[in-house]
């Protein structure tokens, strides 16, 4: 970014980008609807969580809906059987996602490439079977669960405006966390693992520990996004853990540009705009999305944000 804008300008952008993003999402809520804009925000959180794994550590997962669904069902079951406090339910989603990620990390982080992607897909399928069949007594099976949340002071998630504000505040918090994390030595270590894991291991770093931490953080934040979705709609169905929906977050990460906070947000918003509004005009909208992905792969390999930086950065830097 500093090559794109210059160091001073980049610092100013980092200082004011939070208000800019708030204004942009507020304008989006005005242009479409508050509840749909809330969906956009929650999906951006999910893309940010996924991008920590894919964009920064270089691990492609075909099963990340498992962790979104874990958070969704943890939130719903907590509200149903433990407490209807929405904050308690969100905390349960975060902890459940982290716990599931930690348990599965003993299997997943020791693999790479296609093996990592397919193991996550297989685990996702197991999770889908559990909520659909094996645990249908508690999860509601195909019918899902409808839940209610209590009002905590001024926080009433049943009000669309309040839920929009909560989701937006959560997105700002996740952006801040991702910046601090990816800009730290730990973030440098993750990118080094992505480039050459063998060399990083040779230098004496505990690679498995770093990968486990990144994986658990990614699964916990994905589950957090799932919990916010349940607060927004007050019901959960097996679609929240459906393996067929993994393509959504992968497409979003590719469209925006992997390994960038701004790219994840741009990709999340772009994908939601395409999937929400293109079907109104194009019956086979998935075909259009496939063509768009092919164009991104062959013409804009760094995604929308990465291509903008690559296109204008050197020129602006030379001019400076």
C-alpha atoms as a PDB file:
ATOM      1  CA  UNK A   1       0.000   0.000   0.000  1.00  0.00           C
ATOM      2  CA  UNK A   2       2.854   2.409   0.697  1.00  0.00           C
ATOM      3  CA  UNK A   3       4.002   2.007  -2.910  1.00  0.00           C
ATOM      4  CA  UNK A   4       0.463   2.739  -4.062  1.00  0.00           C
ATOM      5  CA  UNK A   5      -0.037   5.911  -2.052  1.00  0.00           C
ATOM      6  CA  UNK A   6       3.316   6.801  -0.556  1.00  0.00           C
ATOM      7  CA  UNK A   7       4.215   6.172   3.075  1.00  0.00           C
ATOM      8  CA  UNK A   8       2.587   9.325   4.456  1.00  0.00           C
ATOM      9  CA  UNK A   9      -0.603   8.923   2.446  1.00  0.00           C
ATOM     10  CA  UNK A  10      -0.828   5.224   3.331  1.00  0.00           C
ATOM     11  CA  UNK A  11      -0.522   6.099   7.013  1.00  0.00           C
ATOM     12  CA  UNK A  12      -3.314   8.653   6.663  1.00  0.00           C
ATOM     13  CA  UNK A  13      -5.499   6.082   4.896  1.00  0.00           C
ATOM     14  CA  UNK A  14      -4.934   3.570   7.691  1.00  0.00           C
ATOM     15  CA  UNK A  15      -5.949   6.262  10.142  1.00  0.00           C
ATOM     16  CA  UNK A  16      -9.198   7.117   8.390  1.00  0.00           C
ATOM     17  CA  UNK A  17     -10.170   3.900   6.632  1.00  0.00           C
ATOM     18  CA  UNK A  18     -12.385   2.754   9.511  1.00  0.00           C
ATOM     19  CA  UNK A  19     -14.718   5.789   9.200  1.00  0.00           C
ATOM     20  CA  UNK A  20     -14.613   5.378   5.412  1.00  0.00           C
ATOM     21  CA  UNK A  21     -15.679   1.738   5.663  1.00  0.00           C
ATOM     22  CA  UNK A  22     -18.430   2.635   8.148  1.00  0.00           C
ATOM     23  CA  UNK A  23     -19.723   5.272   5.741  1.00  0.00           C
ATOM     24  CA  UNK A  24     -19.576   2.856   2.803  1.00  0.00           C
ATOM     25  CA  UNK A  25     -21.547   0.150   4.612  1.00  0.00           C
ATOM     26  CA  UNK A  26     -24.027   2.741   5.874  1.00  0.00           C
ATOM     27  CA  UNK A  27     -24.527   3.851   2.276  1.00  0.00           C
ATOM     28  CA  UNK A  28     -24.935   0.220   1.261  1.00  0.00           C
ATOM     29  CA  UNK A  29     -27.637  -0.225   3.919  1.00  0.00           C
ATOM     30  CA  UNK A  30     -29.439   2.824   2.567  1.00  0.00           C
ATOM     31  CA  UNK A  31     -29.133   1.605  -1.030  1.00  0.00           C
ATOM     32  CA  UNK A  32     -30.345  -1.973  -0.520  1.00  0.00           C
ATOM     33  CA  UNK A  33     -31.670  -2.807   2.942  1.00  0.00           C
ATOM     34  CA  UNK A  34     -30.329  -2.855   6.475  1.00  0.00           C
ATOM     35  CA  UNK A  35     -30.657  -6.626   6.882  1.00  0.00           C
ATOM     36  CA  UNK A  36     -28.979  -7.362   3.560  1.00  0.00           C
ATOM     37  CA  UNK A  37     -26.163  -4.959   4.370  1.00  0.00           C
ATOM     38  CA  UNK A  38     -25.751  -6.806   7.663  1.00  0.00           C
ATOM     39  CA  UNK A  39     -25.392 -10.019   5.649  1.00  0.00           C
ATOM     40  CA  UNK A  40     -22.658  -8.358   3.596  1.00  0.00           C
ATOM     41  CA  UNK A  41     -20.792  -7.349   6.751  1.00  0.00           C
ATOM     42  CA  UNK A  42     -21.004 -10.822   8.288  1.00  0.00           C
ATOM     43  CA  UNK A  43     -19.810 -12.433   5.078  1.00  0.00           C
ATOM     44  CA  UNK A  44     -16.828 -10.052   4.999  1.00  0.00           C
ATOM     45  CA  UNK A  45     -15.886 -11.263   8.493  1.00  0.00           C
ATOM     46  CA  UNK A  46     -16.042 -14.830   7.198  1.00  0.00           C
ATOM     47  CA  UNK A  47     -13.820 -13.948   4.223  1.00  0.00           C
ATOM     48  CA  UNK A  48     -11.300 -12.236   6.518  1.00  0.00           C
ATOM     49  CA  UNK A  49     -11.186 -15.365   8.696  1.00  0.00           C
ATOM     50  CA  UNK A  50     -10.705 -17.599   5.666  1.00  0.00           C
ATOM     51  CA  UNK A  51      -8.054 -15.322   4.173  1.00  0.00           C
ATOM     52  CA  UNK A  52      -5.882 -15.681   7.279  1.00  0.00           C
ATOM     53  CA  UNK A  53      -5.544 -19.331   6.334  1.00  0.00           C
ATOM     54  CA  UNK A  54      -5.500 -19.038   2.550  1.00  0.00           C
ATOM     55  CA  UNK A  55      -4.045 -15.620   1.784  1.00  0.00           C
ATOM     56  CA  UNK A  56      -1.412 -15.440   4.519  1.00  0.00           C
ATOM     57  CA  UNK A  57      -0.489 -19.065   5.240  1.00  0.00           C
ATOM     58  CA  UNK A  58      -1.190 -20.461   1.778  1.00  0.00           C
ATOM     59  CA  UNK A  59      -3.577 -23.242   2.790  1.00  0.00           C
ATOM     60  CA  UNK A  60      -6.612 -23.744   0.553  1.00  0.00           C
ATOM     61  CA  UNK A  61      -9.553 -25.240   2.455  1.00  0.00           C
ATOM     62  CA  UNK A  62     -12.611 -26.778   0.788  1.00  0.00           C
ATOM     63  CA  UNK A  63     -14.365 -27.257   4.122  1.00  0.00           C
ATOM     64  CA  UNK A  64     -14.532 -23.920   5.908  1.00  0.00           C
ATOM     65  CA  UNK A  65     -18.324 -24.004   6.057  1.00  0.00           C
ATOM     66  CA  UNK A  66     -17.841 -26.553   8.845  1.00  0.00           C
ATOM     67  CA  UNK A  67     -16.553 -23.801  11.131  1.00  0.00           C
ATOM     68  CA  UNK A  68     -19.183 -21.258  10.100  1.00  0.00           C
ATOM     69  CA  UNK A  69     -21.809 -23.910  10.821  1.00  0.00           C
ATOM     70  CA  UNK A  70     -20.183 -24.771  14.139  1.00  0.00           C
ATOM     71  CA  UNK A  71     -20.621 -21.180  15.267  1.00  0.00           C
ATOM     72  CA  UNK A  72     -24.176 -21.044  13.937  1.00  0.00           C
ATOM     73  CA  UNK A  73     -25.304 -24.167  15.787  1.00  0.00           C
ATOM     74  CA  UNK A  74     -23.348 -23.263  18.935  1.00  0.00           C
ATOM     75  CA  UNK A  75     -25.164 -19.909  19.019  1.00  0.00           C
ATOM     76  CA  UNK A  76     -28.581 -21.461  18.419  1.00  0.00           C
ATOM     77  CA  UNK A  77     -28.141 -24.275  20.952  1.00  0.00           C
ATOM     78  CA  UNK A  78     -26.774 -21.883  23.566  1.00  0.00           C
ATOM     79  CA  UNK A  79     -29.788 -19.607  23.114  1.00  0.00           C
ATOM     80  CA  UNK A  80     -32.131 -22.617  23.246  1.00  0.00           C
ATOM     81  CA  UNK A  81     -30.709 -24.463  26.251  1.00  0.00           C
ATOM     82  CA  UNK A  82     -28.345 -22.196  28.194  1.00  0.00           C
ATOM     83  CA  UNK A  83     -28.967 -18.460  27.876  1.00  0.00           C
ATOM     84  CA  UNK A  84     -30.835 -16.221  25.463  1.00  0.00           C
ATOM     85  CA  UNK A  85     -28.266 -13.462  26.021  1.00  0.00           C
ATOM     86  CA  UNK A  86     -26.906 -12.717  22.515  1.00  0.00           C
ATOM     87  CA  UNK A  87     -23.441 -11.868  23.832  1.00  0.00           C
ATOM     88  CA  UNK A  88     -23.218 -15.185  25.682  1.00  0.00           C
ATOM     89  CA  UNK A  89     -24.331 -16.980  22.508  1.00  0.00           C
ATOM     90  CA  UNK A  90     -21.678 -15.169  20.460  1.00  0.00           C
ATOM     91  CA  UNK A  91     -19.016 -16.096  22.999  1.00  0.00           C
ATOM     92  CA  UNK A  92     -20.157 -19.727  22.780  1.00  0.00           C
ATOM     93  CA  UNK A  93     -19.778 -19.578  18.986  1.00  0.00           C
ATOM     94  CA  UNK A  94     -16.251 -18.179  19.256  1.00  0.00           C
ATOM     95  CA  UNK A  95     -15.192 -20.809  21.791  1.00  0.00           C
ATOM     96  CA  UNK A  96     -16.838 -23.657  19.892  1.00  0.00           C
ATOM     97  CA  UNK A  97     -15.111 -22.672  16.663  1.00  0.00           C
ATOM     98  CA  UNK A  98     -11.756 -22.416  18.397  1.00  0.00           C
ATOM     99  CA  UNK A  99     -12.224 -25.753  20.168  1.00  0.00           C
ATOM    100  CA  UNK A 100     -13.265 -27.606  17.008  1.00  0.00           C
ATOM    101  CA  UNK A 101     -10.367 -26.029  15.126  1.00  0.00           C
ATOM    102  CA  UNK A 102      -7.896 -27.025  17.844  1.00  0.00           C
ATOM    103  CA  UNK A 103      -9.108 -30.640  17.917  1.00  0.00           C
ATOM    104  CA  UNK A 104      -9.041 -30.970  14.132  1.00  0.00           C
ATOM    105  CA  UNK A 105      -5.678 -29.226  13.862  1.00  0.00           C
ATOM    106  CA  UNK A 106      -3.980 -32.427  15.037  1.00  0.00           C
ATOM    107  CA  UNK A 107      -5.036 -33.862  11.684  1.00  0.00           C
ATOM    108  CA  UNK A 108      -5.204 -30.903   9.326  1.00  0.00           C
ATOM    109  CA  UNK A 109      -2.072 -28.831   9.964  1.00  0.00           C
ATOM    110  CA  UNK A 110       0.222 -31.780   9.304  1.00  0.00           C
ATOM    111  CA  UNK A 111      -0.964 -31.870   5.702  1.00  0.00           C
ATOM    112  CA  UNK A 112      -0.394 -29.561   2.748  1.00  0.00           C
ATOM    113  CA  UNK A 113      -1.773 -28.861  -0.706  1.00  0.00           C
ATOM    114  CA  UNK A 114      -4.639 -30.944  -2.018  1.00  0.00           C
ATOM    115  CA  UNK A 115      -4.530 -33.203   1.038  1.00  0.00           C
ATOM    116  CA  UNK A 116      -5.253 -30.255   3.349  1.00  0.00           C
ATOM    117  CA  UNK A 117      -8.093 -29.032   1.144  1.00  0.00           C
ATOM    118  CA  UNK A 118      -9.730 -32.447   0.826  1.00  0.00           C
ATOM    119  CA  UNK A 119      -9.382 -33.380   4.507  1.00  0.00           C
ATOM    120  CA  UNK A 120     -11.250 -30.215   5.422  1.00  0.00           C
ATOM    121  CA  UNK A 121     -13.894 -31.074   2.830  1.00  0.00           C
ATOM    122  CA  UNK A 122     -14.281 -34.569   4.302  1.00  0.00           C
ATOM    123  CA  UNK A 123     -14.574 -33.169   7.831  1.00  0.00           C
ATOM    124  CA  UNK A 124     -17.152 -30.680   6.578  1.00  0.00           C
ATOM    125  CA  UNK A 125     -19.185 -33.553   5.149  1.00  0.00           C
ATOM    126  CA  UNK A 126     -19.023 -35.368   8.491  1.00  0.00           C
ATOM    127  CA  UNK A 127     -20.263 -32.234  10.262  1.00  0.00           C
ATOM    128  CA  UNK A 128     -23.107 -31.862   7.786  1.00  0.00           C
ATOM    129  CA  UNK A 129     -24.165 -35.479   8.397  1.00  0.00           C
ATOM    130  CA  UNK A 130     -24.079 -34.962  12.165  1.00  0.00           C
ATOM    131  CA  UNK A 131     -26.389 -31.952  12.193  1.00  0.00           C
ATOM    132  CA  UNK A 132     -28.660 -33.357   9.480  1.00  0.00           C
ATOM    133  CA  UNK A 133     -29.048 -36.935  10.731  1.00  0.00           C
ATOM    134  CA  UNK A 134     -27.067 -38.118  13.727  1.00  0.00           C
ATOM    135  CA  UNK A 135     -27.845 -35.155  16.009  1.00  0.00           C
ATOM    136  CA  UNK A 136     -31.174 -34.216  14.444  1.00  0.00           C
ATOM    137  CA  UNK A 137     -32.869 -34.584  17.842  1.00  0.00           C
ATOM    138  CA  UNK A 138     -31.011 -31.489  19.049  1.00  0.00           C
ATOM    139  CA  UNK A 139     -30.316 -29.650  15.798  1.00  0.00           C
ATOM    140  CA  UNK A 140     -33.762 -30.011  14.252  1.00  0.00           C
ATOM    141  CA  UNK A 141     -32.455 -31.885  11.208  1.00  0.00           C
ATOM    142  CA  UNK A 142     -33.709 -30.508   7.901  1.00  0.00           C
ATOM    143  CA  UNK A 143     -36.126 -28.179   9.661  1.00  0.00           C
ATOM    144  CA  UNK A 144     -33.413 -26.477  11.674  1.00  0.00           C
ATOM    145  CA  UNK A 145     -33.984 -24.408  14.790  1.00  0.00           C
ATOM    146  CA  UNK A 146     -35.720 -21.104  15.393  1.00  0.00           C
ATOM    147  CA  UNK A 147     -34.353 -19.206  18.388  1.00  0.00           C
ATOM    148  CA  UNK A 148     -35.035 -15.980  20.239  1.00  0.00           C
ATOM    149  CA  UNK A 149     -32.607 -13.651  21.966  1.00  0.00           C
ATOM    150  CA  UNK A 150     -33.294 -11.451  24.946  1.00  0.00           C
ATOM    151  CA  UNK A 151     -32.815  -7.708  25.025  1.00  0.00           C
ATOM    152  CA  UNK A 152     -29.738  -6.649  26.994  1.00  0.00           C
ATOM    153  CA  UNK A 153     -30.093  -2.981  27.864  1.00  0.00           C
ATOM    154  CA  UNK A 154     -30.040  -1.045  24.574  1.00  0.00           C
ATOM    155  CA  UNK A 155     -28.860  -4.132  22.694  1.00  0.00           C
ATOM    156  CA  UNK A 156     -31.844  -5.669  20.939  1.00  0.00           C
ATOM    157  CA  UNK A 157     -30.681  -7.840  18.035  1.00  0.00           C
ATOM    158  CA  UNK A 158     -34.288  -8.171  16.912  1.00  0.00           C
ATOM    159  CA  UNK A 159     -34.067  -4.571  15.711  1.00  0.00           C
ATOM    160  CA  UNK A 160     -32.450  -4.459  12.274  1.00  0.00           C
ATOM    161  CA  UNK A 161     -30.638  -1.191  12.927  1.00  0.00           C
ATOM    162  CA  UNK A 162     -29.177  -2.444  16.197  1.00  0.00           C
ATOM    163  CA  UNK A 163     -28.030  -5.691  14.577  1.00  0.00           C
ATOM    164  CA  UNK A 164     -26.444  -3.723  11.743  1.00  0.00           C
ATOM    165  CA  UNK A 165     -24.509  -1.622  14.246  1.00  0.00           C
ATOM    166  CA  UNK A 166     -23.374  -4.691  16.184  1.00  0.00           C
ATOM    167  CA  UNK A 167     -22.194  -6.477  13.037  1.00  0.00           C
ATOM    168  CA  UNK A 168     -20.381  -3.361  11.816  1.00  0.00           C
ATOM    169  CA  UNK A 169     -18.642  -2.927  15.175  1.00  0.00           C
ATOM    170  CA  UNK A 170     -17.585  -6.583  15.039  1.00  0.00           C
ATOM    171  CA  UNK A 171     -16.209  -6.117  11.520  1.00  0.00           C
ATOM    172  CA  UNK A 172     -14.150  -3.123  12.651  1.00  0.00           C
ATOM    173  CA  UNK A 173     -12.813  -5.193  15.546  1.00  0.00           C
ATOM    174  CA  UNK A 174     -11.870  -8.084  13.255  1.00  0.00           C
ATOM    175  CA  UNK A 175     -10.142  -5.703  10.830  1.00  0.00           C
ATOM    176  CA  UNK A 176      -8.121  -4.231  13.698  1.00  0.00           C
ATOM    177  CA  UNK A 177      -7.199  -7.719  14.906  1.00  0.00           C
ATOM    178  CA  UNK A 178      -6.183  -8.893  11.449  1.00  0.00           C
ATOM    179  CA  UNK A 179      -4.003  -5.841  10.938  1.00  0.00           C
ATOM    180  CA  UNK A 180      -2.221  -6.303  14.233  1.00  0.00           C
ATOM    181  CA  UNK A 181      -1.830 -10.024  13.614  1.00  0.00           C
ATOM    182  CA  UNK A 182      -0.629  -9.952  10.013  1.00  0.00           C
ATOM    183  CA  UNK A 183       1.644  -6.970  10.634  1.00  0.00           C
ATOM    184  CA  UNK A 184       3.350  -8.667  13.579  1.00  0.00           C
ATOM    185  CA  UNK A 185       6.308 -11.081  13.486  1.00  0.00           C
ATOM    186  CA  UNK A 186       3.743 -13.868  13.625  1.00  0.00           C
ATOM    187  CA  UNK A 187       2.228 -12.597  10.370  1.00  0.00           C
ATOM    188  CA  UNK A 188       5.683 -12.522   8.780  1.00  0.00           C
ATOM    189  CA  UNK A 189       6.191 -16.103   9.948  1.00  0.00           C
ATOM    190  CA  UNK A 190       2.926 -17.189   8.317  1.00  0.00           C
ATOM    191  CA  UNK A 191       3.878 -15.596   5.008  1.00  0.00           C
ATOM    192  CA  UNK A 192       7.290 -17.249   5.246  1.00  0.00           C
ATOM    193  CA  UNK A 193       5.605 -20.623   5.742  1.00  0.00           C
ATOM    194  CA  UNK A 194       3.540 -19.902   2.648  1.00  0.00           C
ATOM    195  CA  UNK A 195       6.671 -19.189   0.611  1.00  0.00           C
ATOM    196  CA  UNK A 196       8.909 -21.993   1.846  1.00  0.00           C
ATOM    197  CA  UNK A 197       7.861 -24.083   4.829  1.00  0.00           C
ATOM    198  CA  UNK A 198      10.947 -26.309   4.714  1.00  0.00           C
ATOM    199  CA  UNK A 199      13.319 -23.366   5.000  1.00  0.00           C
ATOM    200  CA  UNK A 200      11.360 -21.872   7.908  1.00  0.00           C
ATOM    201  CA  UNK A 201      11.511 -25.228   9.682  1.00  0.00           C
ATOM    202  CA  UNK A 202      15.245 -25.444   8.980  1.00  0.00           C
ATOM    203  CA  UNK A 203      15.739 -22.036  10.622  1.00  0.00           C
ATOM    204  CA  UNK A 204      14.437 -23.491  13.869  1.00  0.00           C
ATOM    205  CA  UNK A 205      10.877 -22.139  14.035  1.00  0.00           C
ATOM    206  CA  UNK A 206       8.072 -24.275  15.424  1.00  0.00           C
ATOM    207  CA  UNK A 207       6.102 -24.429  12.194  1.00  0.00           C
ATOM    208  CA  UNK A 208       3.362 -26.752  13.450  1.00  0.00           C
ATOM    209  CA  UNK A 209       2.660 -24.483  16.401  1.00  0.00           C
ATOM    210  CA  UNK A 210       2.349 -21.413  14.159  1.00  0.00           C
ATOM    211  CA  UNK A 211       0.088 -23.250  11.713  1.00  0.00           C
ATOM    212  CA  UNK A 212      -2.079 -24.544  14.555  1.00  0.00           C
ATOM    213  CA  UNK A 213      -2.508 -21.060  16.000  1.00  0.00           C
ATOM    214  CA  UNK A 214      -3.427 -19.614  12.599  1.00  0.00           C
ATOM    215  CA  UNK A 215      -5.857 -22.456  11.933  1.00  0.00           C
ATOM    216  CA  UNK A 216      -7.578 -22.067  15.318  1.00  0.00           C
ATOM    217  CA  UNK A 217      -7.864 -18.291  14.892  1.00  0.00           C
ATOM    218  CA  UNK A 218      -9.365 -18.790  11.429  1.00  0.00           C
ATOM    219  CA  UNK A 219     -11.900 -21.368  12.625  1.00  0.00           C
ATOM    220  CA  UNK A 220     -12.844 -19.284  15.691  1.00  0.00           C
ATOM    221  CA  UNK A 221     -13.476 -16.143  13.613  1.00  0.00           C
ATOM    222  CA  UNK A 222     -15.416 -18.175  11.035  1.00  0.00           C
ATOM    223  CA  UNK A 223     -17.600 -19.520  13.833  1.00  0.00           C
ATOM    224  CA  UNK A 224     -18.012 -15.968  15.113  1.00  0.00           C
ATOM    225  CA  UNK A 225     -19.389 -14.988  11.689  1.00  0.00           C
ATOM    226  CA  UNK A 226     -21.772 -17.944  11.885  1.00  0.00           C
ATOM    227  CA  UNK A 227     -22.979 -16.772  15.291  1.00  0.00           C
ATOM    228  CA  UNK A 228     -23.637 -13.276  13.972  1.00  0.00           C
ATOM    229  CA  UNK A 229     -25.685 -14.786  11.130  1.00  0.00           C
ATOM    230  CA  UNK A 230     -27.951 -16.506  13.652  1.00  0.00           C
ATOM    231  CA  UNK A 231     -28.363 -13.280  15.593  1.00  0.00           C
ATOM    232  CA  UNK A 232     -29.368 -11.617  12.321  1.00  0.00           C
ATOM    233  CA  UNK A 233     -31.950 -14.216  11.251  1.00  0.00           C
ATOM    234  CA  UNK A 234     -32.832 -16.033  14.511  1.00  0.00           C
ATOM    235  CA  UNK A 235     -32.833 -19.472  12.908  1.00  0.00           C
ATOM    236  CA  UNK A 236     -30.323 -22.080  11.757  1.00  0.00           C
ATOM    237  CA  UNK A 237     -30.581 -24.805   9.111  1.00  0.00           C
ATOM    238  CA  UNK A 238     -28.094 -27.353   7.698  1.00  0.00           C
ATOM    239  CA  UNK A 239     -27.401 -24.890   4.854  1.00  0.00           C
ATOM    240  CA  UNK A 240     -25.041 -23.119   7.258  1.00  0.00           C
ATOM    241  CA  UNK A 241     -22.759 -26.147   7.127  1.00  0.00           C
ATOM    242  CA  UNK A 242     -23.444 -27.331   3.564  1.00  0.00           C
ATOM    243  CA  UNK A 243     -20.282 -28.397   1.721  1.00  0.00           C
ATOM    244  CA  UNK A 244     -21.642 -26.976  -1.536  1.00  0.00           C
ATOM    245  CA  UNK A 245     -21.378 -23.453  -0.172  1.00  0.00           C
ATOM    246  CA  UNK A 246     -17.609 -23.566   0.379  1.00  0.00           C
ATOM    247  CA  UNK A 247     -17.157 -22.108  -3.080  1.00  0.00           C
ATOM    248  CA  UNK A 248     -18.659 -18.818  -1.856  1.00  0.00           C
ATOM    249  CA  UNK A 249     -15.810 -17.830   0.442  1.00  0.00           C
ATOM    250  CA  UNK A 250     -13.177 -19.178  -1.965  1.00  0.00           C
ATOM    251  CA  UNK A 251     -14.576 -17.086  -4.827  1.00  0.00           C
ATOM    252  CA  UNK A 252     -14.745 -14.013  -2.604  1.00  0.00           C
ATOM    253  CA  UNK A 253     -11.107 -14.384  -1.543  1.00  0.00           C
ATOM    254  CA  UNK A 254     -10.004 -14.808  -5.167  1.00  0.00           C
ATOM    255  CA  UNK A 255     -12.089 -11.910  -6.468  1.00  0.00           C
ATOM    256  CA  UNK A 256     -10.877  -9.426  -3.878  1.00  0.00           C
ATOM    257  CA  UNK A 257      -7.294 -10.586  -3.657  1.00  0.00           C
ATOM    258  CA  UNK A 258      -5.861 -13.051  -1.163  1.00  0.00           C
ATOM    259  CA  UNK A 259      -3.582 -11.846   1.603  1.00  0.00           C
ATOM    260  CA  UNK A 260      -5.091  -8.372   1.994  1.00  0.00           C
ATOM    261  CA  UNK A 261      -7.618  -6.961   4.461  1.00  0.00           C
ATOM    262  CA  UNK A 262      -8.991  -4.580   1.859  1.00  0.00           C
ATOM    263  CA  UNK A 263      -9.017  -7.356  -0.724  1.00  0.00           C
ATOM    264  CA  UNK A 264     -11.076  -9.608   1.558  1.00  0.00           C
ATOM    265  CA  UNK A 265     -13.637  -6.849   2.127  1.00  0.00           C
ATOM    266  CA  UNK A 266     -13.777  -5.951  -1.576  1.00  0.00           C
ATOM    267  CA  UNK A 267     -14.181  -9.613  -2.519  1.00  0.00           C
ATOM    268  CA  UNK A 268     -16.850 -10.222   0.110  1.00  0.00           C
ATOM    269  CA  UNK A 269     -18.929  -7.252  -1.022  1.00  0.00           C
ATOM    270  CA  UNK A 270     -18.429  -8.066  -4.723  1.00  0.00           C
ATOM    271  CA  UNK A 271     -19.499 -11.685  -4.300  1.00  0.00           C
ATOM    272  CA  UNK A 272     -22.560 -10.748  -2.250  1.00  0.00           C
ATOM    273  CA  UNK A 273     -23.606  -8.174  -4.847  1.00  0.00           C
ATOM    274  CA  UNK A 274     -23.259 -10.747  -7.615  1.00  0.00           C
ATOM    275  CA  UNK A 275     -25.065 -13.550  -5.770  1.00  0.00           C
ATOM    276  CA  UNK A 276     -27.858 -11.324  -4.430  1.00  0.00           C
ATOM    277  CA  UNK A 277     -28.715  -9.218  -7.468  1.00  0.00           C
ATOM    278  CA  UNK A 278     -27.445 -10.933 -10.613  1.00  0.00           C
ATOM    279  CA  UNK A 279     -30.059 -13.767 -10.352  1.00  0.00           C
ATOM    280  CA  UNK A 280     -32.754 -11.093 -10.807  1.00  0.00           C
ATOM    281  CA  UNK A 281     -31.482 -10.449 -14.325  1.00  0.00           C
ATOM    282  CA  UNK A 282     -29.599 -13.593 -15.382  1.00  0.00           C
ATOM    283  CA  UNK A 283     -31.164 -16.999 -14.865  1.00  0.00           C
ATOM    284  CA  UNK A 284     -27.874 -18.920 -15.089  1.00  0.00           C
ATOM    285  CA  UNK A 285     -25.943 -16.468 -12.967  1.00  0.00           C
ATOM    286  CA  UNK A 286     -23.526 -19.151 -11.762  1.00  0.00           C
ATOM    287  CA  UNK A 287     -22.179 -19.398 -15.323  1.00  0.00           C
ATOM    288  CA  UNK A 288     -21.466 -15.663 -15.273  1.00  0.00           C
ATOM    289  CA  UNK A 289     -19.685 -16.102 -11.951  1.00  0.00           C
ATOM    290  CA  UNK A 290     -17.584 -18.887 -13.447  1.00  0.00           C
ATOM    291  CA  UNK A 291     -16.578 -16.690 -16.381  1.00  0.00           C
ATOM    292  CA  UNK A 292     -15.759 -13.863 -13.970  1.00  0.00           C
ATOM    293  CA  UNK A 293     -13.529 -16.202 -11.985  1.00  0.00           C
ATOM    294  CA  UNK A 294     -11.720 -17.295 -15.150  1.00  0.00           C
ATOM    295  CA  UNK A 295     -11.097 -13.653 -16.041  1.00  0.00           C
ATOM    296  CA  UNK A 296      -9.772 -13.018 -12.548  1.00  0.00           C
ATOM    297  CA  UNK A 297      -7.425 -15.996 -12.746  1.00  0.00           C
ATOM    298  CA  UNK A 298      -5.988 -15.181 -16.182  1.00  0.00           C
ATOM    299  CA  UNK A 299      -6.141 -11.375 -16.219  1.00  0.00           C
ATOM    300  CA  UNK A 300      -6.173 -10.206 -12.585  1.00  0.00           C
ATOM    301  CA  UNK A 301      -4.357 -12.944 -10.713  1.00  0.00           C
ATOM    302  CA  UNK A 302      -3.876 -10.775  -7.622  1.00  0.00           C
ATOM    303  CA  UNK A 303      -7.589  -9.987  -7.386  1.00  0.00           C
ATOM    304  CA  UNK A 304      -9.289  -6.617  -7.595  1.00  0.00           C
ATOM    305  CA  UNK A 305      -7.347  -4.885  -4.833  1.00  0.00           C
ATOM    306  CA  UNK A 306      -4.008  -6.529  -5.610  1.00  0.00           C
ATOM    307  CA  UNK A 307      -4.316  -5.640  -9.284  1.00  0.00           C
ATOM    308  CA  UNK A 308      -5.082  -2.007  -8.469  1.00  0.00           C
ATOM    309  CA  UNK A 309      -2.002  -1.774  -6.265  1.00  0.00           C
ATOM    310  CA  UNK A 310       0.158  -3.532  -8.861  1.00  0.00           C
ATOM    311  CA  UNK A 311      -1.211  -1.352 -11.661  1.00  0.00           C
ATOM    312  CA  UNK A 312      -0.857   2.056 -10.075  1.00  0.00           C
ATOM    313  CA  UNK A 313       1.786   1.483  -7.407  1.00  0.00           C
ATOM    314  CA  UNK A 314       4.991   1.607  -9.469  1.00  0.00           C
ATOM    315  CA  UNK A 315       3.839   4.639 -11.451  1.00  0.00           C
ATOM    316  CA  UNK A 316       2.889   6.552  -8.336  1.00  0.00           C
ATOM    317  CA  UNK A 317       6.136   5.519  -6.646  1.00  0.00           C
ATOM    318  CA  UNK A 318       8.249   6.733  -9.592  1.00  0.00           C
ATOM    319  CA  UNK A 319       6.347  10.005  -9.680  1.00  0.00           C
ATOM    320  CA  UNK A 320       7.007  10.509  -5.994  1.00  0.00           C
END
